């Protein structure tokens, strides 16, 4: 704007550029699911993704807090995300896994 306003003969500048940052919910959901498939730590996990308005809702059960955080980081890396409600639960290890 400032660059062209000082050019001789320029009498006015009209900026009619409109940025559309809203992505469609199915598009965001697909991008997140594809991102989970590309992530080796999460590709075999059962994570449900739901998009409502500007909010992504994650649900499911993962074996560790690290996996839960990895899911969050993966979602935030997808363009167009504004809010994430992480409802993923951490599974308790089975008793036979604890006993040695």
C-alpha atoms as a PDB file:
ATOM      1  CA  UNK A   1       0.000   0.000   0.000  1.00  0.00           C
ATOM      2  CA  UNK A   2       2.643   2.500   1.042  1.00  0.00           C
ATOM      3  CA  UNK A   3       4.885   1.445  -1.845  1.00  0.00           C
ATOM      4  CA  UNK A   4       2.472   2.509  -4.577  1.00  0.00           C
ATOM      5  CA  UNK A   5       0.888   5.487  -2.828  1.00  0.00           C
ATOM      6  CA  UNK A   6       3.946   7.673  -3.549  1.00  0.00           C
ATOM      7  CA  UNK A   7       4.030   6.943  -7.291  1.00  0.00           C
ATOM      8  CA  UNK A   8       3.316   9.983  -9.445  1.00  0.00           C
ATOM      9  CA  UNK A   9      -0.161   9.792 -10.929  1.00  0.00           C
ATOM     10  CA  UNK A  10      -1.616   7.417  -8.344  1.00  0.00           C
ATOM     11  CA  UNK A  11      -4.761   9.074  -7.076  1.00  0.00           C
ATOM     12  CA  UNK A  12      -6.251   6.321  -4.978  1.00  0.00           C
ATOM     13  CA  UNK A  13      -5.768   2.756  -3.854  1.00  0.00           C
ATOM     14  CA  UNK A  14      -8.581   0.306  -3.277  1.00  0.00           C
ATOM     15  CA  UNK A  15      -7.783  -2.930  -1.545  1.00  0.00           C
ATOM     16  CA  UNK A  16     -10.494  -5.420  -2.418  1.00  0.00           C
ATOM     17  CA  UNK A  17      -8.572  -8.509  -1.384  1.00  0.00           C
ATOM     18  CA  UNK A  18     -10.613 -10.809   0.831  1.00  0.00           C
ATOM     19  CA  UNK A  19      -8.875 -13.599   2.716  1.00  0.00           C
ATOM     20  CA  UNK A  20     -10.939 -16.654   3.399  1.00  0.00           C
ATOM     21  CA  UNK A  21      -9.333 -18.532   6.273  1.00  0.00           C
ATOM     22  CA  UNK A  22     -12.388 -20.657   7.018  1.00  0.00           C
ATOM     23  CA  UNK A  23     -11.901 -24.268   6.034  1.00  0.00           C
ATOM     24  CA  UNK A  24     -14.832 -26.628   5.688  1.00  0.00           C
ATOM     25  CA  UNK A  25     -15.315 -29.041   8.598  1.00  0.00           C
ATOM     26  CA  UNK A  26     -15.019 -32.206   6.434  1.00  0.00           C
ATOM     27  CA  UNK A  27     -11.816 -30.829   4.908  1.00  0.00           C
ATOM     28  CA  UNK A  28     -10.268 -30.210   8.339  1.00  0.00           C
ATOM     29  CA  UNK A  29     -11.393 -33.621   9.576  1.00  0.00           C
ATOM     30  CA  UNK A  30      -9.842 -35.334   6.545  1.00  0.00           C
ATOM     31  CA  UNK A  31      -6.588 -33.415   6.947  1.00  0.00           C
ATOM     32  CA  UNK A  32      -6.335 -34.420  10.612  1.00  0.00           C
ATOM     33  CA  UNK A  33      -7.089 -38.085   9.867  1.00  0.00           C
ATOM     34  CA  UNK A  34      -4.463 -38.093   7.101  1.00  0.00           C
ATOM     35  CA  UNK A  35      -1.965 -36.469   9.476  1.00  0.00           C
ATOM     36  CA  UNK A  36      -2.641 -39.239  12.015  1.00  0.00           C
ATOM     37  CA  UNK A  37      -2.044 -41.858   9.281  1.00  0.00           C
ATOM     38  CA  UNK A  38       1.307 -40.248   8.400  1.00  0.00           C
ATOM     39  CA  UNK A  39       2.387 -40.261  12.060  1.00  0.00           C
ATOM     40  CA  UNK A  40       3.887 -43.665  12.904  1.00  0.00           C
ATOM     41  CA  UNK A  41       3.113 -43.262  16.615  1.00  0.00           C
ATOM     42  CA  UNK A  42      -0.587 -42.602  15.947  1.00  0.00           C
ATOM     43  CA  UNK A  43      -1.509 -44.419  12.740  1.00  0.00           C
ATOM     44  CA  UNK A  44      -2.738 -47.587  14.409  1.00  0.00           C
ATOM     45  CA  UNK A  45      -4.501 -45.788  17.265  1.00  0.00           C
ATOM     46  CA  UNK A  46      -8.265 -45.424  17.572  1.00  0.00           C
ATOM     47  CA  UNK A  47      -8.763 -41.661  17.700  1.00  0.00           C
ATOM     48  CA  UNK A  48     -12.092 -40.100  16.766  1.00  0.00           C
ATOM     49  CA  UNK A  49     -12.022 -36.649  15.190  1.00  0.00           C
ATOM     50  CA  UNK A  50     -15.106 -34.449  15.139  1.00  0.00           C
ATOM     51  CA  UNK A  51     -15.255 -30.874  13.851  1.00  0.00           C
ATOM     52  CA  UNK A  52     -17.984 -28.529  15.061  1.00  0.00           C
ATOM     53  CA  UNK A  53     -17.799 -24.929  13.876  1.00  0.00           C
ATOM     54  CA  UNK A  54     -14.205 -23.856  14.628  1.00  0.00           C
ATOM     55  CA  UNK A  55     -13.627 -26.555  17.262  1.00  0.00           C
ATOM     56  CA  UNK A  56     -11.914 -29.904  16.813  1.00  0.00           C
ATOM     57  CA  UNK A  57     -12.974 -32.564  19.325  1.00  0.00           C
ATOM     58  CA  UNK A  58     -10.644 -35.509  19.848  1.00  0.00           C
ATOM     59  CA  UNK A  59     -11.823 -38.610  21.669  1.00  0.00           C
ATOM     60  CA  UNK A  60     -10.670 -42.160  22.182  1.00  0.00           C
ATOM     61  CA  UNK A  61      -8.303 -44.056  24.459  1.00  0.00           C
ATOM     62  CA  UNK A  62      -4.527 -44.040  24.088  1.00  0.00           C
ATOM     63  CA  UNK A  63      -1.940 -46.019  26.031  1.00  0.00           C
ATOM     64  CA  UNK A  64       0.158 -43.075  27.215  1.00  0.00           C
ATOM     65  CA  UNK A  65       0.175 -39.388  27.979  1.00  0.00           C
ATOM     66  CA  UNK A  66       2.923 -39.040  25.355  1.00  0.00           C
ATOM     67  CA  UNK A  67       0.563 -40.418  22.670  1.00  0.00           C
ATOM     68  CA  UNK A  68      -2.130 -37.976  23.816  1.00  0.00           C
ATOM     69  CA  UNK A  69       0.297 -35.055  23.483  1.00  0.00           C
ATOM     70  CA  UNK A  70       1.476 -36.334  20.099  1.00  0.00           C
ATOM     71  CA  UNK A  71      -2.141 -36.316  18.898  1.00  0.00           C
ATOM     72  CA  UNK A  72      -2.545 -32.704  20.049  1.00  0.00           C
ATOM     73  CA  UNK A  73       0.650 -31.593  18.305  1.00  0.00           C
ATOM     74  CA  UNK A  74      -0.439 -33.353  15.131  1.00  0.00           C
ATOM     75  CA  UNK A  75      -3.817 -31.577  15.152  1.00  0.00           C
ATOM     76  CA  UNK A  76      -2.295 -28.138  15.768  1.00  0.00           C
ATOM     77  CA  UNK A  77       0.042 -28.666  12.797  1.00  0.00           C
ATOM     78  CA  UNK A  78      -2.961 -28.819  10.438  1.00  0.00           C
ATOM     79  CA  UNK A  79      -3.749 -25.398   8.904  1.00  0.00           C
ATOM     80  CA  UNK A  80      -7.058 -23.803   9.888  1.00  0.00           C
ATOM     81  CA  UNK A  81      -7.254 -25.130  13.455  1.00  0.00           C
ATOM     82  CA  UNK A  82      -8.538 -22.559  15.959  1.00  0.00           C
ATOM     83  CA  UNK A  83      -9.571 -24.622  18.986  1.00  0.00           C
ATOM     84  CA  UNK A  84      -9.006 -28.202  20.152  1.00  0.00           C
ATOM     85  CA  UNK A  85     -11.024 -30.002  22.809  1.00  0.00           C
ATOM     86  CA  UNK A  86      -8.885 -33.007  23.732  1.00  0.00           C
ATOM     87  CA  UNK A  87     -11.108 -35.663  25.341  1.00  0.00           C
ATOM     88  CA  UNK A  88      -8.644 -38.507  24.779  1.00  0.00           C
ATOM     89  CA  UNK A  89      -8.330 -40.762  27.811  1.00  0.00           C
ATOM     90  CA  UNK A  90      -5.241 -42.661  28.938  1.00  0.00           C
ATOM     91  CA  UNK A  91      -5.801 -46.397  29.396  1.00  0.00           C
ATOM     92  CA  UNK A  92      -4.763 -48.032  32.622  1.00  0.00           C
ATOM     93  CA  UNK A  93      -2.342 -50.923  32.136  1.00  0.00           C
ATOM     94  CA  UNK A  94      -3.817 -54.370  32.645  1.00  0.00           C
ATOM     95  CA  UNK A  95      -2.969 -56.071  35.932  1.00  0.00           C
ATOM     96  CA  UNK A  96      -1.052 -58.847  34.167  1.00  0.00           C
ATOM     97  CA  UNK A  97       1.197 -56.199  32.560  1.00  0.00           C
ATOM     98  CA  UNK A  98       2.036 -54.742  35.974  1.00  0.00           C
ATOM     99  CA  UNK A  99       2.750 -58.076  37.680  1.00  0.00           C
ATOM    100  CA  UNK A 100       6.198 -59.423  37.004  1.00  0.00           C
END
